[in-house]
Amino acid sequence: MKSRRVLLALLLLAFTAFPLIVRDGAFAYSIRLLGIMGLYVILALGLNVTLGFVGLFDLGFMAFYAIGAYTSAVLSVQGVNFWLATLAAVAVTVAVRLALGAPVLRLRGDYLAIVTLGFGEITRLVLNNWDSLTNGPKGLPRVGEALGTVSLFGFEFTENIHFYYLILAVAALTVVISKNLEHSRIGRAWIAVREDEIAAELSGIPVTRVKMLAFATSAFFAALAGSIFVHWERFVTPESFTFWESVLVVSMLVLGGMGSVTGAILGAILISGLPLLLQASLGGEMIRYRYLIFGAALVAVVIFRPQGLLPSKRRALELETEQEAAS
């Protein structure tokens, strides 16, 4: 535990100093790559709450990233400042997440995965066809419109490095919240539900309520990432939120270790960062092979290290117990 905290502190220090070193050199493009990786870290930690801590197989997580992004974009075009638009995006996203969770959290396993997958596709189709609000596949903002600027105490965020530090701050906050939740009473309740839902309910844990709280927490993270994303890109389109993006985030948790905060960070960095770095160094052809690389890496992890590269101690013990029982 202590070694992981030291590792996280060193990583935070390195990620803080690195952009200042390279911003005026040949590797200035890496600041944007690191910002993208940071957004995926936030998303991976958000999905880790439901998939890792509670064991809810969610294949439509990117839908809530999209809802947060579009809510913030629509309000920003109307003149609402970034911080208020972000709060509204969080509120709308959490409300939609809870509205979905109320009926579907009675489902388990594959059935829940199918329903969340369907919701993700429905969300993308709604964004594509609700022209009056989202401008359909043409995206926001419309011609003649513009998103509001992001400013803090009079300082405007205009460069990649500005948004990078904003993303780094939010990612660090997400890590702190995730670690505190993991070791809190509600975190232990989530893990109890993951291990045995019936036993948890018989022990007095309000299963539906703690599942809904996990849904709301993950939506909070997704909305934050979505609002930052749209103001950084200055444009948003439904094609940024496909089913394959949800699969990508699930892959990050499988690779890093489901239920592990450190593992989720590592998985997000590896899967979102390596292809971009390889593309920048080896050319655009490399991007064609990223899913082949992901597939091969995931197969290798499932076979040789099913608990992930940096699993949580609880999750590793669960898998060892299951393997001993099977043998």
C-alpha atoms as a PDB file:
ATOM      1  CA  MET A   1       0.000   0.000   0.000  1.00  0.00           C
ATOM      2  CA  LYS A   2       2.778   2.427   0.965  1.00  0.00           C
ATOM      3  CA  SER A   3       4.774   1.613  -2.168  1.00  0.00           C
ATOM      4  CA  ARG A   4       1.744   2.324  -4.374  1.00  0.00           C
ATOM      5  CA  ARG A   5       1.231   5.701  -2.711  1.00  0.00           C
ATOM      6  CA  VAL A   6       4.870   6.560  -3.339  1.00  0.00           C
ATOM      7  CA  LEU A   7       4.486   5.438  -6.951  1.00  0.00           C
ATOM      8  CA  LEU A   8       1.385   7.600  -7.425  1.00  0.00           C
ATOM      9  CA  ALA A   9       3.143  10.603  -5.862  1.00  0.00           C
ATOM     10  CA  LEU A  10       6.145  10.162  -8.159  1.00  0.00           C
ATOM     11  CA  LEU A  11       3.888   9.820 -11.192  1.00  0.00           C
ATOM     12  CA  LEU A  12       2.009  12.986 -10.234  1.00  0.00           C
ATOM     13  CA  LEU A  13       5.297  14.863  -9.858  1.00  0.00           C
ATOM     14  CA  ALA A  14       6.558  13.585 -13.218  1.00  0.00           C
ATOM     15  CA  PHE A  15       3.326  14.454 -15.016  1.00  0.00           C
ATOM     16  CA  THR A  16       3.405  17.936 -13.458  1.00  0.00           C
ATOM     17  CA  ALA A  17       6.980  18.707 -14.505  1.00  0.00           C
ATOM     18  CA  PHE A  18       7.106  17.036 -17.922  1.00  0.00           C
ATOM     19  CA  PRO A  19       4.996  19.587 -19.908  1.00  0.00           C
ATOM     20  CA  LEU A  20       7.108  22.457 -18.612  1.00  0.00           C
ATOM     21  CA  ILE A  21      10.213  20.727 -19.947  1.00  0.00           C
ATOM     22  CA  VAL A  22       8.910  19.872 -23.433  1.00  0.00           C
ATOM     23  CA  ARG A  23       6.494  22.723 -24.179  1.00  0.00           C
ATOM     24  CA  ASP A  24       8.946  24.622 -26.409  1.00  0.00           C
ATOM     25  CA  GLY A  25      10.716  21.635 -27.965  1.00  0.00           C
ATOM     26  CA  ALA A  26      10.145  18.979 -30.597  1.00  0.00           C
ATOM     27  CA  PHE A  27       8.022  16.920 -28.192  1.00  0.00           C
ATOM     28  CA  ALA A  28       5.460  19.633 -27.475  1.00  0.00           C
ATOM     29  CA  TYR A  29       2.799  17.448 -29.144  1.00  0.00           C
ATOM     30  CA  SER A  30       3.120  15.014 -26.207  1.00  0.00           C
ATOM     31  CA  ILE A  31       1.303  17.522 -23.962  1.00  0.00           C
ATOM     32  CA  ARG A  32      -1.891  16.919 -25.911  1.00  0.00           C
ATOM     33  CA  LEU A  33      -1.320  13.169 -25.828  1.00  0.00           C
ATOM     34  CA  LEU A  34      -0.935  13.288 -22.060  1.00  0.00           C
ATOM     35  CA  GLY A  35      -4.140  15.321 -21.791  1.00  0.00           C
ATOM     36  CA  ILE A  36      -6.035  12.642 -23.723  1.00  0.00           C
ATOM     37  CA  MET A  37      -4.555  10.003 -21.445  1.00  0.00           C
ATOM     38  CA  GLY A  38      -5.728  12.022 -18.439  1.00  0.00           C
ATOM     39  CA  LEU A  39      -9.307  12.074 -19.713  1.00  0.00           C
ATOM     40  CA  TYR A  40      -9.202   8.297 -20.122  1.00  0.00           C
ATOM     41  CA  VAL A  41      -7.849   7.948 -16.575  1.00  0.00           C
ATOM     42  CA  ILE A  42     -10.925   9.824 -15.296  1.00  0.00           C
ATOM     43  CA  LEU A  43     -13.218   7.626 -17.398  1.00  0.00           C
ATOM     44  CA  ALA A  44     -11.478   4.411 -16.326  1.00  0.00           C
ATOM     45  CA  LEU A  45     -11.788   5.361 -12.655  1.00  0.00           C
ATOM     46  CA  GLY A  46     -15.455   6.180 -13.207  1.00  0.00           C
ATOM     47  CA  LEU A  47     -16.166   2.802 -14.758  1.00  0.00           C
ATOM     48  CA  ASN A  48     -14.046   1.134 -12.073  1.00  0.00           C
ATOM     49  CA  VAL A  49     -16.642   2.182  -9.499  1.00  0.00           C
ATOM     50  CA  THR A  50     -19.382   0.135 -11.165  1.00  0.00           C
ATOM     51  CA  LEU A  51     -17.431  -2.625 -12.895  1.00  0.00           C
ATOM     52  CA  GLY A  52     -14.505  -2.954 -10.483  1.00  0.00           C
ATOM     53  CA  PHE A  53     -15.992  -2.217  -7.063  1.00  0.00           C
ATOM     54  CA  VAL A  54     -19.568  -3.462  -7.530  1.00  0.00           C
ATOM     55  CA  GLY A  55     -19.166  -5.915 -10.411  1.00  0.00           C
ATOM     56  CA  LEU A  56     -21.832  -4.345 -12.642  1.00  0.00           C
ATOM     57  CA  PHE A  57     -20.969  -5.143 -16.262  1.00  0.00           C
ATOM     58  CA  ASP A  58     -21.603  -1.752 -17.903  1.00  0.00           C
ATOM     59  CA  LEU A  59     -21.076  -1.581 -21.673  1.00  0.00           C
ATOM     60  CA  GLY A  60     -22.737   1.801 -22.187  1.00  0.00           C
ATOM     61  CA  PHE A  61     -20.570   3.995 -20.003  1.00  0.00           C
ATOM     62  CA  MET A  62     -19.567   6.338 -22.832  1.00  0.00           C
ATOM     63  CA  ALA A  63     -23.210   7.389 -23.158  1.00  0.00           C
ATOM     64  CA  PHE A  64     -22.856   9.347 -19.922  1.00  0.00           C
ATOM     65  CA  TYR A  65     -19.602  10.881 -21.109  1.00  0.00           C
ATOM     66  CA  ALA A  66     -21.595  12.024 -24.151  1.00  0.00           C
ATOM     67  CA  ILE A  67     -24.490  13.377 -22.074  1.00  0.00           C
ATOM     68  CA  GLY A  68     -22.087  15.393 -19.934  1.00  0.00           C
ATOM     69  CA  ALA A  69     -20.277  16.749 -22.998  1.00  0.00           C
ATOM     70  CA  TYR A  70     -23.436  17.728 -24.867  1.00  0.00           C
ATOM     71  CA  THR A  71     -25.127  19.268 -21.829  1.00  0.00           C
ATOM     72  CA  SER A  72     -22.075  21.426 -21.208  1.00  0.00           C
ATOM     73  CA  ALA A  73     -21.801  22.340 -24.906  1.00  0.00           C
ATOM     74  CA  VAL A  74     -25.459  23.348 -25.254  1.00  0.00           C
ATOM     75  CA  LEU A  75     -25.272  25.581 -22.173  1.00  0.00           C
ATOM     76  CA  SER A  76     -21.897  27.046 -23.134  1.00  0.00           C
ATOM     77  CA  VAL A  77     -23.220  28.081 -26.552  1.00  0.00           C
ATOM     78  CA  GLN A  78     -26.005  29.918 -24.710  1.00  0.00           C
ATOM     79  CA  GLY A  79     -23.468  31.932 -22.731  1.00  0.00           C
ATOM     80  CA  VAL A  80     -23.290  29.902 -19.509  1.00  0.00           C
ATOM     81  CA  ASN A  81     -19.746  29.895 -18.104  1.00  0.00           C
ATOM     82  CA  PHE A  82     -17.718  26.693 -17.954  1.00  0.00           C
ATOM     83  CA  TRP A  83     -18.037  26.043 -14.230  1.00  0.00           C
ATOM     84  CA  LEU A  84     -21.829  26.429 -14.120  1.00  0.00           C
ATOM     85  CA  ALA A  85     -22.161  24.405 -17.327  1.00  0.00           C
ATOM     86  CA  THR A  86     -20.064  21.660 -15.729  1.00  0.00           C
ATOM     87  CA  LEU A  87     -22.269  21.602 -12.620  1.00  0.00           C
ATOM     88  CA  ALA A  88     -25.353  21.368 -14.815  1.00  0.00           C
ATOM     89  CA  ALA A  89     -23.732  18.600 -16.885  1.00  0.00           C
ATOM     90  CA  VAL A  90     -23.017  16.636 -13.705  1.00  0.00           C
ATOM     91  CA  ALA A  91     -26.592  17.098 -12.462  1.00  0.00           C
ATOM     92  CA  VAL A  92     -28.178  16.037 -15.768  1.00  0.00           C
ATOM     93  CA  THR A  93     -25.838  13.081 -16.240  1.00  0.00           C
ATOM     94  CA  VAL A  94     -26.362  11.768 -12.710  1.00  0.00           C
ATOM     95  CA  ALA A  95     -30.140  12.191 -13.069  1.00  0.00           C
ATOM     96  CA  VAL A  96     -30.176  10.199 -16.325  1.00  0.00           C
ATOM     97  CA  ARG A  97     -27.905   7.558 -14.800  1.00  0.00           C
ATOM     98  CA  LEU A  98     -30.231   7.141 -11.820  1.00  0.00           C
ATOM     99  CA  ALA A  99     -33.304   7.051 -14.068  1.00  0.00           C
ATOM    100  CA  LEU A 100     -31.680   4.226 -16.019  1.00  0.00           C
ATOM    101  CA  GLY A 101     -30.480   2.465 -12.883  1.00  0.00           C
ATOM    102  CA  ALA A 102     -33.879   2.348 -11.183  1.00  0.00           C
ATOM    103  CA  PRO A 103     -35.308  -0.325 -13.527  1.00  0.00           C
ATOM    104  CA  VAL A 104     -32.163  -2.057 -14.826  1.00  0.00           C
ATOM    105  CA  LEU A 105     -30.248  -2.679 -11.599  1.00  0.00           C
ATOM    106  CA  ARG A 106     -32.533  -5.591 -10.907  1.00  0.00           C
ATOM    107  CA  LEU A 107     -30.728  -7.325 -13.751  1.00  0.00           C
ATOM    108  CA  ARG A 108     -27.393  -9.084 -13.384  1.00  0.00           C
ATOM    109  CA  GLY A 109     -24.467 -10.213 -15.487  1.00  0.00           C
ATOM    110  CA  ASP A 110     -25.032 -10.524 -19.220  1.00  0.00           C
ATOM    111  CA  TYR A 111     -28.549  -9.072 -19.043  1.00  0.00           C
ATOM    112  CA  LEU A 112     -27.278  -5.855 -17.473  1.00  0.00           C
ATOM    113  CA  ALA A 113     -24.481  -5.669 -20.052  1.00  0.00           C
ATOM    114  CA  ILE A 114     -26.989  -5.962 -22.925  1.00  0.00           C
ATOM    115  CA  VAL A 115     -29.279  -3.280 -21.490  1.00  0.00           C
ATOM    116  CA  THR A 116     -26.430  -0.807 -20.899  1.00  0.00           C
ATOM    117  CA  LEU A 117     -25.053  -1.536 -24.370  1.00  0.00           C
ATOM    118  CA  GLY A 118     -28.475  -0.794 -25.829  1.00  0.00           C
ATOM    119  CA  PHE A 119     -28.751   2.444 -23.864  1.00  0.00           C
ATOM    120  CA  GLY A 120     -25.364   3.549 -25.171  1.00  0.00           C
ATOM    121  CA  GLU A 121     -26.454   2.999 -28.770  1.00  0.00           C
ATOM    122  CA  ILE A 122     -29.819   4.689 -28.155  1.00  0.00           C
ATOM    123  CA  THR A 123     -27.999   7.726 -26.742  1.00  0.00           C
ATOM    124  CA  ARG A 124     -25.749   7.966 -29.786  1.00  0.00           C
ATOM    125  CA  LEU A 125     -28.739   7.701 -32.149  1.00  0.00           C
ATOM    126  CA  VAL A 126     -30.649  10.377 -30.223  1.00  0.00           C
ATOM    127  CA  LEU A 127     -27.662  12.711 -30.450  1.00  0.00           C
ATOM    128  CA  ASN A 128     -27.444  11.993 -34.186  1.00  0.00           C
ATOM    129  CA  ASN A 129     -31.115  12.700 -34.852  1.00  0.00           C
ATOM    130  CA  TRP A 130     -32.103  15.473 -32.406  1.00  0.00           C
ATOM    131  CA  ASP A 131     -31.082  18.213 -34.829  1.00  0.00           C
ATOM    132  CA  SER A 132     -32.832  21.050 -33.030  1.00  0.00           C
ATOM    133  CA  LEU A 133     -30.744  20.522 -29.888  1.00  0.00           C
ATOM    134  CA  THR A 134     -27.555  18.680 -30.892  1.00  0.00           C
ATOM    135  CA  ASN A 135     -27.260  19.689 -34.571  1.00  0.00           C
ATOM    136  CA  GLY A 136     -27.146  15.992 -35.412  1.00  0.00           C
ATOM    137  CA  PRO A 137     -24.009  14.492 -36.980  1.00  0.00           C
ATOM    138  CA  LYS A 138     -22.757  17.991 -37.840  1.00  0.00           C
ATOM    139  CA  GLY A 139     -22.036  18.540 -34.159  1.00  0.00           C
ATOM    140  CA  LEU A 140     -21.848  21.579 -31.910  1.00  0.00           C
ATOM    141  CA  PRO A 141     -21.315  24.475 -32.052  1.00  0.00           C
ATOM    142  CA  ARG A 142     -23.229  25.409 -35.192  1.00  0.00           C
ATOM    143  CA  VAL A 143     -21.939  27.804 -37.800  1.00  0.00           C
ATOM    144  CA  GLY A 144     -21.891  31.272 -36.280  1.00  0.00           C
ATOM    145  CA  GLU A 145     -21.875  29.932 -32.709  1.00  0.00           C
ATOM    146  CA  ALA A 146     -18.971  29.408 -30.321  1.00  0.00           C
ATOM    147  CA  LEU A 147     -18.368  27.710 -27.022  1.00  0.00           C
ATOM    148  CA  GLY A 148     -17.534  29.927 -24.085  1.00  0.00           C
ATOM    149  CA  THR A 149     -13.979  30.159 -22.828  1.00  0.00           C
ATOM    150  CA  VAL A 150     -12.702  28.467 -19.686  1.00  0.00           C
ATOM    151  CA  SER A 151     -11.346  30.913 -17.139  1.00  0.00           C
ATOM    152  CA  LEU A 152     -10.310  30.757 -13.500  1.00  0.00           C
ATOM    153  CA  PHE A 153      -9.719  33.921 -11.449  1.00  0.00           C
ATOM    154  CA  GLY A 154      -9.342  35.883 -14.672  1.00  0.00           C
ATOM    155  CA  PHE A 155      -6.910  33.444 -16.285  1.00  0.00           C
ATOM    156  CA  GLU A 156      -8.147  32.009 -19.595  1.00  0.00           C
ATOM    157  CA  PHE A 157      -7.358  28.455 -20.695  1.00  0.00           C
ATOM    158  CA  THR A 158      -6.306  28.772 -24.323  1.00  0.00           C
ATOM    159  CA  GLU A 159      -3.419  26.339 -24.877  1.00  0.00           C
ATOM    160  CA  ASN A 160      -3.058  22.584 -24.601  1.00  0.00           C
ATOM    161  CA  ILE A 161      -0.843  22.948 -21.551  1.00  0.00           C
ATOM    162  CA  HIS A 162      -3.552  24.931 -19.733  1.00  0.00           C
ATOM    163  CA  PHE A 163      -6.136  22.224 -20.291  1.00  0.00           C
ATOM    164  CA  TYR A 164      -3.540  19.586 -19.484  1.00  0.00           C
ATOM    165  CA  TYR A 165      -3.121  20.952 -15.973  1.00  0.00           C
ATOM    166  CA  LEU A 166      -6.890  21.228 -15.563  1.00  0.00           C
ATOM    167  CA  ILE A 167      -7.240  17.574 -16.583  1.00  0.00           C
ATOM    168  CA  LEU A 168      -4.369  16.585 -14.275  1.00  0.00           C
ATOM    169  CA  ALA A 169      -6.048  18.337 -11.333  1.00  0.00           C
ATOM    170  CA  VAL A 170      -9.399  16.644 -12.008  1.00  0.00           C
ATOM    171  CA  ALA A 171      -7.694  13.263 -12.495  1.00  0.00           C
ATOM    172  CA  ALA A 172      -5.857  13.677  -9.173  1.00  0.00           C
ATOM    173  CA  LEU A 173      -9.162  14.590  -7.490  1.00  0.00           C
ATOM    174  CA  THR A 174     -10.755  11.512  -9.050  1.00  0.00           C
ATOM    175  CA  VAL A 175      -7.960   9.307  -7.687  1.00  0.00           C
ATOM    176  CA  VAL A 176      -8.361  10.746  -4.170  1.00  0.00           C
ATOM    177  CA  ILE A 177     -12.146  10.248  -4.238  1.00  0.00           C
ATOM    178  CA  SER A 178     -11.767   6.691  -5.578  1.00  0.00           C
ATOM    179  CA  LYS A 179      -9.217   5.713  -2.926  1.00  0.00           C
ATOM    180  CA  ASN A 180     -11.322   7.177  -0.109  1.00  0.00           C
ATOM    181  CA  LEU A 181     -14.440   5.445  -1.396  1.00  0.00           C
ATOM    182  CA  GLU A 182     -12.611   2.119  -1.742  1.00  0.00           C
ATOM    183  CA  HIS A 183     -11.660   2.088   1.942  1.00  0.00           C
ATOM    184  CA  SER A 184     -14.874   3.638   3.249  1.00  0.00           C
ATOM    185  CA  ARG A 185     -17.943   1.913   4.610  1.00  0.00           C
ATOM    186  CA  ILE A 186     -19.752   2.297   1.286  1.00  0.00           C
ATOM    187  CA  GLY A 187     -16.722   0.902  -0.519  1.00  0.00           C
ATOM    188  CA  ARG A 188     -16.793  -2.222   1.625  1.00  0.00           C
ATOM    189  CA  ALA A 189     -20.509  -2.519   0.929  1.00  0.00           C
ATOM    190  CA  TRP A 190     -19.848  -2.311  -2.826  1.00  0.00           C
ATOM    191  CA  ILE A 191     -17.252  -5.067  -2.586  1.00  0.00           C
ATOM    192  CA  ALA A 192     -19.599  -7.217  -0.500  1.00  0.00           C
ATOM    193  CA  VAL A 193     -22.254  -6.866  -3.215  1.00  0.00           C
ATOM    194  CA  ARG A 194     -19.699  -7.802  -5.859  1.00  0.00           C
ATOM    195  CA  GLU A 195     -18.614 -10.923  -3.993  1.00  0.00           C
ATOM    196  CA  ASP A 196     -22.080 -12.211  -3.108  1.00  0.00           C
ATOM    197  CA  GLU A 197     -25.165 -10.075  -3.600  1.00  0.00           C
ATOM    198  CA  ILE A 198     -27.517 -12.409  -1.728  1.00  0.00           C
ATOM    199  CA  ALA A 199     -25.188 -12.675   1.278  1.00  0.00           C
ATOM    200  CA  ALA A 200     -24.758  -8.883   1.286  1.00  0.00           C
ATOM    201  CA  GLU A 201     -28.517  -8.358   1.331  1.00  0.00           C
ATOM    202  CA  LEU A 202     -28.966 -10.877   4.141  1.00  0.00           C
ATOM    203  CA  SER A 203     -26.270  -9.021   6.082  1.00  0.00           C
ATOM    204  CA  GLY A 204     -28.378  -5.867   6.032  1.00  0.00           C
ATOM    205  CA  ILE A 205     -26.749  -4.019   3.140  1.00  0.00           C
ATOM    206  CA  PRO A 206     -29.337  -2.089   1.066  1.00  0.00           C
ATOM    207  CA  VAL A 207     -28.167  -3.588  -2.225  1.00  0.00           C
ATOM    208  CA  THR A 208     -30.260  -1.474  -4.596  1.00  0.00           C
ATOM    209  CA  ARG A 209     -29.314   1.738  -2.819  1.00  0.00           C
ATOM    210  CA  VAL A 210     -25.570   1.068  -2.882  1.00  0.00           C
ATOM    211  CA  LYS A 211     -25.775   0.090  -6.556  1.00  0.00           C
ATOM    212  CA  MET A 212     -27.548   3.356  -7.336  1.00  0.00           C
ATOM    213  CA  LEU A 213     -24.854   5.270  -5.454  1.00  0.00           C
ATOM    214  CA  ALA A 214     -22.191   3.527  -7.550  1.00  0.00           C
ATOM    215  CA  PHE A 215     -24.093   4.443 -10.723  1.00  0.00           C
ATOM    216  CA  ALA A 216     -24.316   8.084  -9.624  1.00  0.00           C
ATOM    217  CA  THR A 217     -20.617   8.263  -8.681  1.00  0.00           C
ATOM    218  CA  SER A 218     -19.487   6.875 -12.035  1.00  0.00           C
ATOM    219  CA  ALA A 219     -21.764   9.347 -13.850  1.00  0.00           C
ATOM    220  CA  PHE A 220     -20.206  12.201 -11.869  1.00  0.00           C
ATOM    221  CA  PHE A 221     -16.748  11.275 -13.165  1.00  0.00           C
ATOM    222  CA  ALA A 222     -18.008  10.831 -16.734  1.00  0.00           C
ATOM    223  CA  ALA A 223     -19.731  14.239 -16.751  1.00  0.00           C
ATOM    224  CA  LEU A 224     -16.611  16.027 -15.492  1.00  0.00           C
ATOM    225  CA  ALA A 225     -14.525  14.436 -18.240  1.00  0.00           C
ATOM    226  CA  GLY A 226     -17.172  15.220 -20.868  1.00  0.00           C
ATOM    227  CA  SER A 227     -17.397  18.908 -19.975  1.00  0.00           C
ATOM    228  CA  ILE A 228     -13.623  19.347 -20.051  1.00  0.00           C
ATOM    229  CA  PHE A 229     -13.375  17.418 -23.323  1.00  0.00           C
ATOM    230  CA  VAL A 230     -15.862  19.567 -25.218  1.00  0.00           C
ATOM    231  CA  HIS A 231     -14.349  22.860 -24.048  1.00  0.00           C
ATOM    232  CA  TRP A 232     -10.866  21.643 -24.907  1.00  0.00           C
ATOM    233  CA  GLU A 233     -11.809  20.377 -28.373  1.00  0.00           C
ATOM    234  CA  ARG A 234     -14.162  23.340 -28.990  1.00  0.00           C
ATOM    235  CA  PHE A 235     -16.374  20.904 -30.917  1.00  0.00           C
ATOM    236  CA  VAL A 236     -18.369  17.752 -30.230  1.00  0.00           C
ATOM    237  CA  THR A 237     -20.002  15.160 -32.482  1.00  0.00           C
ATOM    238  CA  PRO A 238     -21.807  11.872 -31.727  1.00  0.00           C
ATOM    239  CA  GLU A 239     -19.039   9.904 -33.431  1.00  0.00           C
ATOM    240  CA  SER A 240     -16.797  10.581 -30.433  1.00  0.00           C
ATOM    241  CA  PHE A 241     -18.955   8.304 -28.266  1.00  0.00           C
ATOM    242  CA  THR A 242     -19.253   4.966 -30.036  1.00  0.00           C
ATOM    243  CA  PHE A 243     -19.685   1.511 -28.528  1.00  0.00           C
ATOM    244  CA  TRP A 244     -16.025   0.767 -29.213  1.00  0.00           C
ATOM    245  CA  GLU A 245     -15.006   3.589 -26.908  1.00  0.00           C
ATOM    246  CA  SER A 246     -16.922   1.874 -24.088  1.00  0.00           C
ATOM    247  CA  VAL A 247     -15.142  -1.391 -24.912  1.00  0.00           C
ATOM    248  CA  LEU A 248     -11.849   0.500 -24.803  1.00  0.00           C
ATOM    249  CA  VAL A 249     -12.502   1.700 -21.246  1.00  0.00           C
ATOM    250  CA  VAL A 250     -13.531  -1.817 -20.160  1.00  0.00           C
ATOM    251  CA  SER A 251     -10.276  -3.093 -21.674  1.00  0.00           C
ATOM    252  CA  MET A 252      -8.330  -0.611 -19.547  1.00  0.00           C
ATOM    253  CA  LEU A 253      -9.775  -2.142 -16.381  1.00  0.00           C
ATOM    254  CA  VAL A 254      -9.219  -5.716 -17.539  1.00  0.00           C
ATOM    255  CA  LEU A 255      -5.602  -4.949 -18.374  1.00  0.00           C
ATOM    256  CA  GLY A 256      -4.823  -2.908 -15.258  1.00  0.00           C
ATOM    257  CA  GLY A 257      -6.922  -4.842 -12.769  1.00  0.00           C
ATOM    258  CA  MET A 258     -10.623  -4.456 -12.017  1.00  0.00           C
ATOM    259  CA  GLY A 259     -11.311  -2.964  -8.614  1.00  0.00           C
ATOM    260  CA  SER A 260      -7.811  -1.478  -8.379  1.00  0.00           C
ATOM    261  CA  VAL A 261      -7.417   2.303  -8.559  1.00  0.00           C
ATOM    262  CA  THR A 262      -3.736   2.000  -9.444  1.00  0.00           C
ATOM    263  CA  GLY A 263      -4.542  -0.692 -11.998  1.00  0.00           C
ATOM    264  CA  ALA A 264      -7.202   1.456 -13.645  1.00  0.00           C
ATOM    265  CA  ILE A 265      -4.685   4.299 -13.997  1.00  0.00           C
ATOM    266  CA  LEU A 266      -2.063   1.980 -15.477  1.00  0.00           C
ATOM    267  CA  GLY A 267      -4.554   0.409 -17.897  1.00  0.00           C
ATOM    268  CA  ALA A 268      -5.752   3.828 -19.066  1.00  0.00           C
ATOM    269  CA  ILE A 269      -2.203   5.059 -19.615  1.00  0.00           C
ATOM    270  CA  LEU A 270      -1.151   1.940 -21.534  1.00  0.00           C
ATOM    271  CA  ILE A 271      -4.190   1.544 -23.769  1.00  0.00           C
ATOM    272  CA  SER A 272      -4.857   5.221 -24.493  1.00  0.00           C
ATOM    273  CA  GLY A 273      -1.262   6.399 -24.543  1.00  0.00           C
ATOM    274  CA  LEU A 274       0.799   3.750 -26.296  1.00  0.00           C
ATOM    275  CA  PRO A 275      -1.134   3.781 -29.609  1.00  0.00           C
ATOM    276  CA  LEU A 276      -0.930   7.576 -29.772  1.00  0.00           C
ATOM    277  CA  LEU A 277       2.785   7.568 -29.027  1.00  0.00           C
ATOM    278  CA  LEU A 278       3.382   4.801 -31.571  1.00  0.00           C
ATOM    279  CA  GLN A 279       1.320   6.673 -34.157  1.00  0.00           C
ATOM    280  CA  ALA A 280       3.335   9.835 -33.560  1.00  0.00           C
ATOM    281  CA  SER A 281       6.644   7.997 -33.838  1.00  0.00           C
ATOM    282  CA  LEU A 282       5.864   5.312 -36.445  1.00  0.00           C
ATOM    283  CA  GLY A 283       3.256   7.100 -38.572  1.00  0.00           C
ATOM    284  CA  GLY A 284      -0.485   6.895 -39.183  1.00  0.00           C
ATOM    285  CA  GLU A 285      -0.365   3.280 -40.366  1.00  0.00           C
ATOM    286  CA  MET A 286       0.145   2.142 -36.778  1.00  0.00           C
ATOM    287  CA  ILE A 287      -3.342   3.208 -35.741  1.00  0.00           C
ATOM    288  CA  ARG A 288      -4.840   0.515 -37.983  1.00  0.00           C
ATOM    289  CA  TYR A 289      -3.379  -2.210 -35.796  1.00  0.00           C
ATOM    290  CA  ARG A 290      -4.348  -0.870 -32.369  1.00  0.00           C
ATOM    291  CA  TYR A 291      -7.333  -3.194 -31.888  1.00  0.00           C
ATOM    292  CA  LEU A 292      -5.189  -6.161 -32.900  1.00  0.00           C
ATOM    293  CA  ILE A 293      -2.646  -5.115 -30.273  1.00  0.00           C
ATOM    294  CA  PHE A 294      -5.380  -4.599 -27.656  1.00  0.00           C
ATOM    295  CA  GLY A 295      -6.874  -8.008 -28.409  1.00  0.00           C
ATOM    296  CA  ALA A 296      -3.534  -9.793 -28.190  1.00  0.00           C
ATOM    297  CA  ALA A 297      -2.645  -7.999 -24.949  1.00  0.00           C
ATOM    298  CA  LEU A 298      -6.009  -8.798 -23.347  1.00  0.00           C
ATOM    299  CA  VAL A 299      -5.829 -12.471 -24.345  1.00  0.00           C
ATOM    300  CA  ALA A 300      -2.343 -12.675 -22.832  1.00  0.00           C
ATOM    301  CA  VAL A 301      -3.495 -10.978 -19.617  1.00  0.00           C
ATOM    302  CA  VAL A 302      -6.564 -13.228 -19.254  1.00  0.00           C
ATOM    303  CA  ILE A 303      -4.432 -16.341 -19.719  1.00  0.00           C
ATOM    304  CA  PHE A 304      -1.340 -15.463 -17.704  1.00  0.00           C
ATOM    305  CA  ARG A 305      -2.579 -12.830 -15.234  1.00  0.00           C
ATOM    306  CA  PRO A 306      -6.393 -12.815 -15.005  1.00  0.00           C
ATOM    307  CA  GLN A 307      -6.363 -10.445 -12.035  1.00  0.00           C
ATOM    308  CA  GLY A 308      -4.702  -7.715 -14.157  1.00  0.00           C
ATOM    309  CA  LEU A 309      -1.282  -6.089 -14.045  1.00  0.00           C
ATOM    310  CA  LEU A 310      -1.879  -4.223 -10.759  1.00  0.00           C
ATOM    311  CA  PRO A 311      -4.853  -5.913  -9.075  1.00  0.00           C
ATOM    312  CA  SER A 312      -6.396  -4.939  -5.781  1.00  0.00           C
ATOM    313  CA  LYS A 313      -5.519  -7.306  -2.945  1.00  0.00           C
ATOM    314  CA  ARG A 314      -9.159  -8.259  -2.452  1.00  0.00           C
ATOM    315  CA  ARG A 315      -9.654  -9.066  -6.120  1.00  0.00           C
ATOM    316  CA  ALA A 316      -6.449 -11.099  -6.300  1.00  0.00           C
ATOM    317  CA  LEU A 317      -7.503 -13.146  -3.255  1.00  0.00           C
ATOM    318  CA  GLU A 318     -10.930 -13.760  -4.798  1.00  0.00           C
ATOM    319  CA  LEU A 319      -9.387 -15.130  -7.994  1.00  0.00           C
ATOM    320  CA  GLU A 320      -6.905 -17.284  -6.074  1.00  0.00           C
ATOM    321  CA  THR A 321      -9.760 -18.754  -4.019  1.00  0.00           C
ATOM    322  CA  GLU A 322     -11.767 -19.468  -7.157  1.00  0.00           C
ATOM    323  CA  GLN A 323      -8.794 -21.156  -8.811  1.00  0.00           C
ATOM    324  CA  GLU A 324      -8.124 -23.287  -5.713  1.00  0.00           C
ATOM    325  CA  ALA A 325     -11.789 -24.297  -5.581  1.00  0.00           C
ATOM    326  CA  ALA A 326     -11.753 -25.227  -9.267  1.00  0.00           C
ATOM    327  CA  SER A 327      -8.627 -27.345  -8.829  1.00  0.00           C
END
